[in-house]
Amino acid sequence: MPNESDAYHKETERTPAAAIAAALHDGKKHLLLAASGSVASIKLPLIISALANNPNLSIRIILTKSAARFLAGQSPEQPTVASLSLLPKVDSVH
């Protein structure tokens, strides 16, 4: 017979795919932003801030290796990968 402990372990062992599948019915609009190079990656904070006023929005970001290299905070206009995950409405950065 299942108990609370079993339910807890199933929840904590949820795969990323299961988490995304569960999010499909959370009442939010889901947006996937992908960046593949320097200009695209540097502009992500501006794009996200322009979208942040939309209610019930969930943003996920995907970066190529090239884009991630530009997000090391080398200059003030270049954000870091960590700073992207702190922006409003951003649920994950991959």
Protein backbone atom coordinates (compact mmCIF):
# COMPACT_ATOMS: atom_id res chain seq x y z
CA MET A 1 0.00 0.00 0.00
CA PRO A 2 1.48 3.42 -0.97
CA ASN A 3 2.34 5.86 1.79
CA GLU A 4 3.52 9.48 2.11
CA SER A 5 7.15 8.42 1.82
CA ASP A 6 6.49 6.73 -1.53
CA ALA A 7 4.79 9.86 -2.87
CA TYR A 8 7.71 12.01 -1.69
CA HIS A 9 10.28 9.80 -3.39
CA LYS A 10 8.33 9.78 -6.65
CA GLU A 11 8.17 13.58 -6.59
CA THR A 12 11.88 14.04 -5.82
CA GLU A 13 12.88 11.51 -8.48
CA ARG A 14 10.90 13.30 -11.19
CA THR A 15 12.81 13.50 -14.46
CA PRO A 16 13.18 16.81 -16.32
CA ALA A 17 10.84 15.46 -19.00
CA ALA A 18 8.22 14.61 -16.36
CA ALA A 19 8.56 18.09 -14.84
CA ILE A 20 7.97 19.69 -18.24
CA ALA A 21 5.03 17.41 -18.95
CA ALA A 22 3.48 18.38 -15.62
CA ALA A 23 4.02 22.07 -16.38
CA LEU A 24 1.95 21.82 -19.57
CA HIS A 25 -1.22 22.04 -17.51
CA ASP A 26 -0.15 24.74 -15.03
CA GLY A 27 -2.23 27.52 -16.61
CA LYS A 28 0.81 29.44 -17.87
CA LYS A 29 1.92 30.37 -21.35
CA HIS A 30 5.28 28.72 -22.00
CA LEU A 31 7.98 30.40 -24.03
CA LEU A 32 11.24 28.83 -25.14
CA LEU A 33 14.06 31.24 -25.99
CA ALA A 34 17.10 29.85 -27.77
CA ALA A 35 20.37 31.69 -28.29
CA SER A 36 23.13 30.48 -30.56
CA GLY A 37 25.69 33.28 -30.57
CA SER A 38 27.01 36.49 -29.06
CA VAL A 39 24.40 39.05 -30.08
CA ALA A 40 21.52 36.73 -29.30
CA SER A 41 22.87 35.83 -25.88
CA ILE A 42 23.72 39.41 -24.90
CA LYS A 43 20.20 40.58 -25.84
CA LEU A 44 18.42 37.91 -23.74
CA PRO A 45 17.97 40.15 -20.65
CA LEU A 46 16.40 42.88 -22.80
CA ILE A 47 14.05 40.42 -24.49
CA ILE A 48 13.06 38.84 -21.18
CA SER A 49 12.46 42.18 -19.47
CA ALA A 50 10.19 43.21 -22.37
CA LEU A 51 8.16 40.03 -21.85
CA ALA A 52 8.10 40.11 -18.04
CA ASN A 53 4.87 42.12 -17.89
CA ASN A 54 2.89 39.26 -19.41
CA PRO A 55 0.85 37.51 -16.73
CA ASN A 56 1.22 33.76 -16.26
CA LEU A 57 4.33 33.44 -18.41
CA SER A 58 6.99 30.78 -17.97
CA ILE A 59 10.28 31.27 -19.84
CA ARG A 60 12.86 28.57 -20.45
CA ILE A 61 16.18 29.42 -22.10
CA ILE A 62 18.36 27.13 -24.19
CA LEU A 63 21.92 28.16 -24.98
CA THR A 64 24.38 26.61 -27.41
CA LYS A 65 27.97 26.22 -26.22
CA SER A 66 28.89 29.27 -28.31
CA ALA A 67 26.21 31.40 -26.67
CA ALA A 68 27.21 30.24 -23.18
CA ARG A 69 30.81 31.34 -23.82
CA PHE A 70 29.58 34.89 -24.33
CA LEU A 71 27.80 34.79 -20.97
CA ALA A 72 30.80 34.90 -18.70
CA GLY A 73 30.34 38.54 -17.66
CA GLN A 74 33.44 39.73 -19.54
CA SER A 75 31.98 43.24 -19.74
CA PRO A 76 29.05 45.14 -18.18
CA GLU A 77 26.79 44.54 -21.19
CA GLN A 78 27.42 40.80 -21.10
CA PRO A 79 25.26 39.01 -18.54
CA THR A 80 26.23 35.72 -16.94
CA VAL A 81 24.34 32.45 -17.28
CA ALA A 82 23.56 32.63 -13.55
CA SER A 83 22.10 36.12 -13.91
CA LEU A 84 19.71 34.89 -16.61
CA SER A 85 18.19 32.36 -14.23
CA LEU A 86 17.44 35.19 -11.77
CA LEU A 87 15.39 37.23 -14.24
CA PRO A 88 11.61 37.44 -13.71
CA LYS A 89 9.54 34.69 -15.32
CA VAL A 90 12.65 32.56 -16.15
CA ASP A 91 12.04 29.02 -14.90
CA SER A 92 15.18 27.37 -16.26
CA VAL A 93 18.33 27.84 -18.31
CA HIS A 94 19.80 24.91 -20.23
